[in-house]
Amino acid sequence: LCDLLLMSRISGTLWLGGPRQTQAATSEVYDENVGGAD
């Protein structure tokens, strides 16, 4: 909802569900790069 978003490659991650919630709900396992800055 902000005008601009900057992310740190080494630490920034953005998810709606996230790997743990998603795996618990659907058994889907995220790739480790999903949600990262790149």
All heavy atoms as atom14 arrays in JSON, in Angstrom:
{
  "sequence": "LCDLLLMSRISGTLWLGGPRQTQAATSEVYDENVGGAD",
  "atom14_mask": [
    [1, 1, 1, 1, 1, 1, 1, 1, 0, 0, 0, 0, 0, 0],
    [1, 1, 1, 1, 1, 1, 0, 0, 0, 0, 0, 0, 0, 0],
    [1, 1, 1, 1, 1, 1, 1, 1, 0, 0, 0, 0, 0, 0],
    [1, 1, 1, 1, 1, 1, 1, 1, 0, 0, 0, 0, 0, 0],
    [1, 1, 1, 1, 1, 1, 1, 1, 0, 0, 0, 0, 0, 0],
    [1, 1, 1, 1, 1, 1, 1, 1, 0, 0, 0, 0, 0, 0],
    [1, 1, 1, 1, 1, 1, 1, 1, 0, 0, 0, 0, 0, 0],
    [1, 1, 1, 1, 1, 1, 0, 0, 0, 0, 0, 0, 0, 0],
    [1, 1, 1, 1, 1, 1, 1, 1, 1, 1, 1, 0, 0, 0],
    [1, 1, 1, 1, 1, 1, 1, 1, 0, 0, 0, 0, 0, 0],
    [1, 1, 1, 1, 1, 1, 0, 0, 0, 0, 0, 0, 0, 0],
    [1, 1, 1, 1, 0, 0, 0, 0, 0, 0, 0, 0, 0, 0],
    [1, 1, 1, 1, 1, 1, 1, 0, 0, 0, 0, 0, 0, 0],
    [1, 1, 1, 1, 1, 1, 1, 1, 0, 0, 0, 0, 0, 0],
    [1, 1, 1, 1, 1, 1, 1, 1, 1, 1, 1, 1, 1, 1],
    [1, 1, 1, 1, 1, 1, 1, 1, 0, 0, 0, 0, 0, 0],
    [1, 1, 1, 1, 0, 0, 0, 0, 0, 0, 0, 0, 0, 0],
    [1, 1, 1, 1, 0, 0, 0, 0, 0, 0, 0, 0, 0, 0],
    [1, 1, 1, 1, 1, 1, 1, 0, 0, 0, 0, 0, 0, 0],
    [1, 1, 1, 1, 1, 1, 1, 1, 1, 1, 1, 0, 0, 0],
    [1, 1, 1, 1, 1, 1, 1, 1, 1, 0, 0, 0, 0, 0],
    [1, 1, 1, 1, 1, 1, 1, 0, 0, 0, 0, 0, 0, 0],
    [1, 1, 1, 1, 1, 1, 1, 1, 1, 0, 0, 0, 0, 0],
    [1, 1, 1, 1, 1, 0, 0, 0, 0, 0, 0, 0, 0, 0],
    [1, 1, 1, 1, 1, 0, 0, 0, 0, 0, 0, 0, 0, 0],
    [1, 1, 1, 1, 1, 1, 1, 0, 0, 0, 0, 0, 0, 0],
    [1, 1, 1, 1, 1, 1, 0, 0, 0, 0, 0, 0, 0, 0],
    [1, 1, 1, 1, 1, 1, 1, 1, 1, 0, 0, 0, 0, 0],
    [1, 1, 1, 1, 1, 1, 1, 0, 0, 0, 0, 0, 0, 0],
    [1, 1, 1, 1, 1, 1, 1, 1, 1, 1, 1, 1, 0, 0],
    [1, 1, 1, 1, 1, 1, 1, 1, 0, 0, 0, 0, 0, 0],
    [1, 1, 1, 1, 1, 1, 1, 1, 1, 0, 0, 0, 0, 0],
    [1, 1, 1, 1, 1, 1, 1, 1, 0, 0, 0, 0, 0, 0],
    [1, 1, 1, 1, 1, 1, 1, 0, 0, 0, 0, 0, 0, 0],
    [1, 1, 1, 1, 0, 0, 0, 0, 0, 0, 0, 0, 0, 0],
    [1, 1, 1, 1, 0, 0, 0, 0, 0, 0, 0, 0, 0, 0],
    [1, 1, 1, 1, 1, 0, 0, 0, 0, 0, 0, 0, 0, 0],
    [1, 1, 1, 1, 1, 1, 1, 1, 0, 0, 0, 0, 0, 0]
  ],
  "atom14_positions": [
    [[0.81, -1.21, 0.0], [0.0, 0.0, 0.0], [0.85, 1.27, 0.0], [0.32, 2.37, -0.14], [-0.93, 0.02, 1.22], [-2.12, -0.96, 1.16], [-2.82, -1.03, 2.53], [-3.11, -0.55, 0.09], [0.0, 0.0, 0.0], [0.0, 0.0, 0.0], [0.0, 0.0, 0.0], [0.0, 0.0, 0.0], [0.0, 0.0, 0.0], [0.0, 0.0, 0.0]],
    [[2.16, 1.1, 0.16], [3.05, 2.26, 0.12], [3.32, 2.68, -1.33], [3.07, 1.94, -2.27], [4.37, 1.93, 0.83], [4.27, 1.95, 2.63], [0.0, 0.0, 0.0], [0.0, 0.0, 0.0], [0.0, 0.0, 0.0], [0.0, 0.0, 0.0], [0.0, 0.0, 0.0], [0.0, 0.0, 0.0], [0.0, 0.0, 0.0], [0.0, 0.0, 0.0]],
    [[3.88, 3.87, -1.48], [4.23, 4.36, -2.82], [5.42, 3.59, -3.39], [5.47, 3.32, -4.6], [4.59, 5.85, -2.76], [3.4, 6.7, -2.38], [2.37, 6.62, -3.06], [3.5, 7.45, -1.39], [0.0, 0.0, 0.0], [0.0, 0.0, 0.0], [0.0, 0.0, 0.0], [0.0, 0.0, 0.0], [0.0, 0.0, 0.0], [0.0, 0.0, 0.0]],
    [[6.37, 3.25, -2.53], [7.61, 2.62, -3.0], [8.07, 1.57, -1.99], [7.91, 1.75, -0.77], [8.71, 3.67, -3.18], [8.44, 4.72, -4.28], [9.24, 5.98, -4.03], [8.76, 4.14, -5.66], [0.0, 0.0, 0.0], [0.0, 0.0, 0.0], [0.0, 0.0, 0.0], [0.0, 0.0, 0.0], [0.0, 0.0, 0.0], [0.0, 0.0, 0.0]],
    [[8.63, 0.48, -2.51], [9.14, -0.61, -1.68], [10.57, -0.92, -2.07], [10.85, -1.24, -3.23], [8.26, -1.85, -1.85], [8.81, -3.17, -1.26], [8.98, -3.06, 0.24], [7.89, -4.34, -1.62], [0.0, 0.0, 0.0], [0.0, 0.0, 0.0], [0.0, 0.0, 0.0], [0.0, 0.0, 0.0], [0.0, 0.0, 0.0], [0.0, 0.0, 0.0]],
    [[11.47, -0.85, -1.09], [12.86, -1.24, -1.28], [13.1, -2.48, -0.42], [12.61, -2.56, 0.7], [13.82, -0.13, -0.87], [13.71, 1.2, -1.63], [12.69, 2.12, -0.97], [15.07, 1.91, -1.68], [0.0, 0.0, 0.0], [0.0, 0.0, 0.0], [0.0, 0.0, 0.0], [0.0, 0.0, 0.0], [0.0, 0.0, 0.0], [0.0, 0.0, 0.0]],
    [[13.88, -3.44, -0.94], [14.13, -4.67, -0.21], [15.62, -4.99, -0.14], [16.35, -4.78, -1.11], [13.39, -5.85, -0.86], [11.88, -5.75, -0.79], [11.02, -7.17, -1.57], [11.46, -8.5, -0.43], [0.0, 0.0, 0.0], [0.0, 0.0, 0.0], [0.0, 0.0, 0.0], [0.0, 0.0, 0.0], [0.0, 0.0, 0.0], [0.0, 0.0, 0.0]],
    [[16.03, -5.52, 1.0], [17.4, -5.99, 1.18], [17.5, -7.41, 0.64], [16.7, -8.28, 1.01], [17.78, -5.97, 2.66], [18.96, -6.69, 2.9], [0.0, 0.0, 0.0], [0.0, 0.0, 0.0], [0.0, 0.0, 0.0], [0.0, 0.0, 0.0], [0.0, 0.0, 0.0], [0.0, 0.0, 0.0], [0.0, 0.0, 0.0], [0.0, 0.0, 0.0]],
    [[18.46, -7.64, -0.23], [18.63, -8.96, -0.83], [18.98, -10.02, 0.21], [18.55, -11.16, 0.13], [19.71, -8.9, -1.91], [19.98, -10.22, -2.59], [20.94, -10.08, -3.77], [20.28, -9.51, -4.95], [20.57, -8.34, -5.47], [21.49, -7.57, -4.91], [19.94, -7.9, -6.55], [0.0, 0.0, 0.0], [0.0, 0.0, 0.0], [0.0, 0.0, 0.0]],
    [[19.73, -9.64, 1.22], [20.21, -10.62, 2.18], [19.15, -10.99, 3.21], [19.2, -12.07, 3.8], [21.47, -10.07, 2.91], [22.22, -11.21, 3.61], [21.11, -9.0, 3.92], [23.56, -10.79, 4.18], [0.0, 0.0, 0.0], [0.0, 0.0, 0.0], [0.0, 0.0, 0.0], [0.0, 0.0, 0.0], [0.0, 0.0, 0.0], [0.0, 0.0, 0.0]],
    [[18.14, -10.15, 3.41], [17.23, -10.41, 4.53], [15.76, -10.18, 4.24], [14.91, -10.67, 4.99], [17.64, -9.53, 5.73], [17.63, -8.15, 5.37], [0.0, 0.0, 0.0], [0.0, 0.0, 0.0], [0.0, 0.0, 0.0], [0.0, 0.0, 0.0], [0.0, 0.0, 0.0], [0.0, 0.0, 0.0], [0.0, 0.0, 0.0], [0.0, 0.0, 0.0]],
    [[15.4, -9.45, 3.2], [14.0, -9.09, 2.98], [13.2, -10.22, 2.36], [13.62, -10.8, 1.35], [0.0, 0.0, 0.0], [0.0, 0.0, 0.0], [0.0, 0.0, 0.0], [0.0, 0.0, 0.0], [0.0, 0.0, 0.0], [0.0, 0.0, 0.0], [0.0, 0.0, 0.0], [0.0, 0.0, 0.0], [0.0, 0.0, 0.0], [0.0, 0.0, 0.0]],
    [[12.06, -10.54, 2.94], [11.14, -11.53, 2.37], [9.71, -11.05, 2.56], [9.36, -10.51, 3.6], [11.3, -12.91, 3.03], [11.27, -12.76, 4.46], [12.59, -13.58, 2.62], [0.0, 0.0, 0.0], [0.0, 0.0, 0.0], [0.0, 0.0, 0.0], [0.0, 0.0, 0.0], [0.0, 0.0, 0.0], [0.0, 0.0, 0.0], [0.0, 0.0, 0.0]],
    [[8.88, -11.27, 1.54], [7.5, -10.79, 1.56], [6.58, -11.91, 1.08], [6.71, -12.38, -0.05], [7.38, -9.57, 0.64], [6.02, -8.89, 0.53], [5.61, -8.25, 1.85], [6.05, -7.83, -0.58], [0.0, 0.0, 0.0], [0.0, 0.0, 0.0], [0.0, 0.0, 0.0], [0.0, 0.0, 0.0], [0.0, 0.0, 0.0], [0.0, 0.0, 0.0]],
    [[5.67, -12.35, 1.95], [4.73, -13.4, 1.61], [3.35, -13.04, 2.12], [3.21, -12.32, 3.12], [5.07, -14.74, 2.26], [6.46, -15.24, 2.17], [7.08, -15.74, 1.06], [7.42, -15.37, 3.23], [8.35, -16.16, 1.37], [8.59, -15.94, 2.7], [7.4, -15.04, 4.6], [9.72, -16.21, 3.47], [8.51, -15.3, 5.36], [9.66, -15.87, 4.8]],
    [[2.35, -13.6, 1.5], [1.0, -13.54, 2.07], [0.82, -14.7, 3.06], [0.36, -14.51, 4.18], [-0.07, -13.62, 0.99], [-1.51, -13.55, 1.5], [-1.76, -12.28, 2.29], [-2.49, -13.66, 0.34], [0.0, 0.0, 0.0], [0.0, 0.0, 0.0], [0.0, 0.0, 0.0], [0.0, 0.0, 0.0], [0.0, 0.0, 0.0], [0.0, 0.0, 0.0]],
    [[1.22, -15.91, 2.63], [1.09, -17.06, 3.51], [2.41, -17.45, 4.15], [2.47, -17.79, 5.32], [0.0, 0.0, 0.0], [0.0, 0.0, 0.0], [0.0, 0.0, 0.0], [0.0, 0.0, 0.0], [0.0, 0.0, 0.0], [0.0, 0.0, 0.0], [0.0, 0.0, 0.0], [0.0, 0.0, 0.0], [0.0, 0.0, 0.0], [0.0, 0.0, 0.0]],
    [[3.48, -17.39, 3.38], [4.77, -17.8, 3.9], [4.93, -19.31, 3.79], [3.96, -20.06, 3.68], [0.0, 0.0, 0.0], [0.0, 0.0, 0.0], [0.0, 0.0, 0.0], [0.0, 0.0, 0.0], [0.0, 0.0, 0.0], [0.0, 0.0, 0.0], [0.0, 0.0, 0.0], [0.0, 0.0, 0.0], [0.0, 0.0, 0.0], [0.0, 0.0, 0.0]],
    [[6.17, -19.79, 3.82], [6.43, -21.21, 3.6], [5.8, -22.12, 4.64], [5.27, -23.18, 4.33], [7.96, -21.29, 3.62], [8.43, -20.05, 4.28], [7.41, -19.01, 4.0], [0.0, 0.0, 0.0], [0.0, 0.0, 0.0], [0.0, 0.0, 0.0], [0.0, 0.0, 0.0], [0.0, 0.0, 0.0], [0.0, 0.0, 0.0], [0.0, 0.0, 0.0]],
    [[5.82, -21.72, 5.91], [5.29, -22.6, 6.95], [3.77, -22.68, 6.89], [3.2, -23.77, 6.97], [5.74, -22.11, 8.33], [7.24, -22.23, 8.57], [7.63, -21.72, 9.94], [9.07, -21.79, 10.16], [9.69, -21.35, 11.25], [8.96, -20.82, 12.24], [10.99, -21.43, 11.38], [0.0, 0.0, 0.0], [0.0, 0.0, 0.0], [0.0, 0.0, 0.0]],
    [[3.13, -21.52, 6.78], [1.67, -21.53, 6.71], [1.18, -22.27, 5.48], [0.22, -23.04, 5.54], [1.13, -20.09, 6.7], [1.23, -19.38, 8.04], [0.49, -18.05, 8.0], [-0.48, -17.89, 7.27], [0.95, -17.1, 8.8], [0.0, 0.0, 0.0], [0.0, 0.0, 0.0], [0.0, 0.0, 0.0], [0.0, 0.0, 0.0], [0.0, 0.0, 0.0]],
    [[1.83, -22.04, 4.36], [1.41, -22.68, 3.12], [1.57, -24.19, 3.19], [0.69, -24.96, 2.79], [2.2, -22.11, 1.93], [1.99, -20.7, 1.86], [1.76, -22.75, 0.63], [0.0, 0.0, 0.0], [0.0, 0.0, 0.0], [0.0, 0.0, 0.0], [0.0, 0.0, 0.0], [0.0, 0.0, 0.0], [0.0, 0.0, 0.0], [0.0, 0.0, 0.0]],
    [[2.72, -24.63, 3.72], [2.94, -26.07, 3.82], [1.95, -26.72, 4.77], [1.44, -27.83, 4.52], [4.37, -26.35, 4.27], [4.73, -27.84, 4.26], [6.19, -28.08, 4.56], [6.93, -27.15, 4.85], [6.62, -29.33, 4.48], [0.0, 0.0, 0.0], [0.0, 0.0, 0.0], [0.0, 0.0, 0.0], [0.0, 0.0, 0.0], [0.0, 0.0, 0.0]],
    [[1.64, -26.04, 5.88], [0.69, -26.59, 6.84], [-0.71, -26.69, 6.24], [-1.45, -27.63, 6.52], [0.67, -25.72, 8.09], [0.0, 0.0, 0.0], [0.0, 0.0, 0.0], [0.0, 0.0, 0.0], [0.0, 0.0, 0.0], [0.0, 0.0, 0.0], [0.0, 0.0, 0.0], [0.0, 0.0, 0.0], [0.0, 0.0, 0.0], [0.0, 0.0, 0.0]],
    [[-1.07, -25.72, 5.4], [-2.43, -25.68, 4.86], [-2.6, -26.53, 3.61], [-3.65, -27.14, 3.41], [-2.82, -24.24, 4.55], [0.0, 0.0, 0.0], [0.0, 0.0, 0.0], [0.0, 0.0, 0.0], [0.0, 0.0, 0.0], [0.0, 0.0, 0.0], [0.0, 0.0, 0.0], [0.0, 0.0, 0.0], [0.0, 0.0, 0.0], [0.0, 0.0, 0.0]],
    [[-1.55, -26.59, 2.76], [-1.72, -27.24, 1.45], [-0.68, -28.32, 1.16], [-0.76, -28.96, 0.13], [-1.62, -26.19, 0.33], [-0.27, -25.67, 0.27], [-2.59, -25.03, 0.57], [0.0, 0.0, 0.0], [0.0, 0.0, 0.0], [0.0, 0.0, 0.0], [0.0, 0.0, 0.0], [0.0, 0.0, 0.0], [0.0, 0.0, 0.0], [0.0, 0.0, 0.0]],
    [[0.3, -28.47, 2.04], [1.43, -29.39, 1.85], [2.39, -28.93, 0.76], [3.35, -29.63, 0.45], [0.94, -30.81, 1.52], [0.16, -31.31, 2.58], [0.0, 0.0, 0.0], [0.0, 0.0, 0.0], [0.0, 0.0, 0.0], [0.0, 0.0, 0.0], [0.0, 0.0, 0.0], [0.0, 0.0, 0.0], [0.0, 0.0, 0.0], [0.0, 0.0, 0.0]],
    [[2.14, -27.76, 0.18], [3.04, -27.24, -0.84], [4.32, -26.74, -0.18], [4.29, -26.03, 0.83], [2.39, -26.08, -1.6], [3.27, -25.48, -2.69], [2.64, -24.27, -3.37], [1.48, -23.96, -3.07], [3.32, -23.64, -4.21], [0.0, 0.0, 0.0], [0.0, 0.0, 0.0], [0.0, 0.0, 0.0], [0.0, 0.0, 0.0], [0.0, 0.0, 0.0]],
    [[5.46, -27.09, -0.77], [6.75, -26.65, -0.25], [7.29, -25.55, -1.16], [7.46, -25.75, -2.36], [7.75, -27.82, -0.18], [9.1, -27.31, 0.34], [7.21, -28.92, 0.72], [0.0, 0.0, 0.0], [0.0, 0.0, 0.0], [0.0, 0.0, 0.0], [0.0, 0.0, 0.0], [0.0, 0.0, 0.0], [0.0, 0.0, 0.0], [0.0, 0.0, 0.0]],
    [[7.56, -24.39, -0.58], [8.07, -23.26, -1.35], [9.52, -23.47, -1.75], [10.32, -24.03, -1.0], [8.03, -21.99, -0.48], [6.76, -21.19, -0.51], [5.56, -21.73, -0.95], [6.76, -19.87, -0.09], [4.41, -20.98, -0.96], [5.61, -19.1, -0.1], [4.44, -19.66, -0.54], [3.3, -18.9, -0.55], [0.0, 0.0, 0.0], [0.0, 0.0, 0.0]],
    [[9.87, -22.97, -2.91], [11.27, -22.8, -3.25], [11.84, -21.72, -2.33], [11.18, -20.75, -1.99], [11.42, -22.36, -4.72], [12.87, -22.22, -5.13], [13.44, -21.14, -4.89], [13.43, -23.18, -5.67], [0.0, 0.0, 0.0], [0.0, 0.0, 0.0], [0.0, 0.0, 0.0], [0.0, 0.0, 0.0], [0.0, 0.0, 0.0], [0.0, 0.0, 0.0]],
    [[13.09, -21.87, -1.93], [13.68, -20.95, -0.96], [13.77, -19.51, -1.48], [13.88, -18.57, -0.69], [15.07, -21.43, -0.56], [16.06, -21.49, -1.7], [17.45, -21.95, -1.28], [17.58, -22.41, -0.14], [18.38, -21.83, -2.1], [0.0, 0.0, 0.0], [0.0, 0.0, 0.0], [0.0, 0.0, 0.0], [0.0, 0.0, 0.0], [0.0, 0.0, 0.0]],
    [[13.72, -19.31, -2.79], [13.82, -17.97, -3.35], [12.48, -17.24, -3.43], [12.45, -16.03, -3.67], [14.43, -18.04, -4.76], [15.86, -18.55, -4.73], [16.64, -18.17, -3.87], [16.2, -19.42, -5.68], [0.0, 0.0, 0.0], [0.0, 0.0, 0.0], [0.0, 0.0, 0.0], [0.0, 0.0, 0.0], [0.0, 0.0, 0.0], [0.0, 0.0, 0.0]],
    [[11.38, -17.97, -3.24], [10.06, -17.34, -3.33], [9.91, -16.32, -2.2], [10.17, -16.62, -1.04], [8.95, -18.41, -3.25], [7.59, -17.74, -3.14], [8.99, -19.3, -4.48], [0.0, 0.0, 0.0], [0.0, 0.0, 0.0], [0.0, 0.0, 0.0], [0.0, 0.0, 0.0], [0.0, 0.0, 0.0], [0.0, 0.0, 0.0], [0.0, 0.0, 0.0]],
    [[9.48, -15.13, -2.55], [9.27, -14.09, -1.56], [10.46, -13.2, -1.31], [10.35, -12.2, -0.61], [0.0, 0.0, 0.0], [0.0, 0.0, 0.0], [0.0, 0.0, 0.0], [0.0, 0.0, 0.0], [0.0, 0.0, 0.0], [0.0, 0.0, 0.0], [0.0, 0.0, 0.0], [0.0, 0.0, 0.0], [0.0, 0.0, 0.0], [0.0, 0.0, 0.0]],
    [[11.62, -13.55, -1.88], [12.81, -12.73, -1.66], [12.84, -11.48, -2.53], [11.97, -11.25, -3.37], [0.0, 0.0, 0.0], [0.0, 0.0, 0.0], [0.0, 0.0, 0.0], [0.0, 0.0, 0.0], [0.0, 0.0, 0.0], [0.0, 0.0, 0.0], [0.0, 0.0, 0.0], [0.0, 0.0, 0.0], [0.0, 0.0, 0.0], [0.0, 0.0, 0.0]],
    [[13.87, -10.68, -2.34], [13.96, -9.39, -3.03], [14.03, -9.58, -4.54], [13.31, -8.9, -5.29], [15.19, -8.63, -2.53], [0.0, 0.0, 0.0], [0.0, 0.0, 0.0], [0.0, 0.0, 0.0], [0.0, 0.0, 0.0], [0.0, 0.0, 0.0], [0.0, 0.0, 0.0], [0.0, 0.0, 0.0], [0.0, 0.0, 0.0], [0.0, 0.0, 0.0]],
    [[14.87, -10.48, -5.02], [15.0, -10.68, -6.46], [13.73, -11.28, -7.05], [13.35, -10.97, -8.19], [16.2, -11.58, -6.77], [17.53, -10.9, -6.46], [17.67, -9.71, -6.8], [18.41, -11.54, -5.87], [0.0, 0.0, 0.0], [0.0, 0.0, 0.0], [0.0, 0.0, 0.0], [0.0, 0.0, 0.0], [0.0, 0.0, 0.0], [0.0, 0.0, 0.0]]
  ]
}
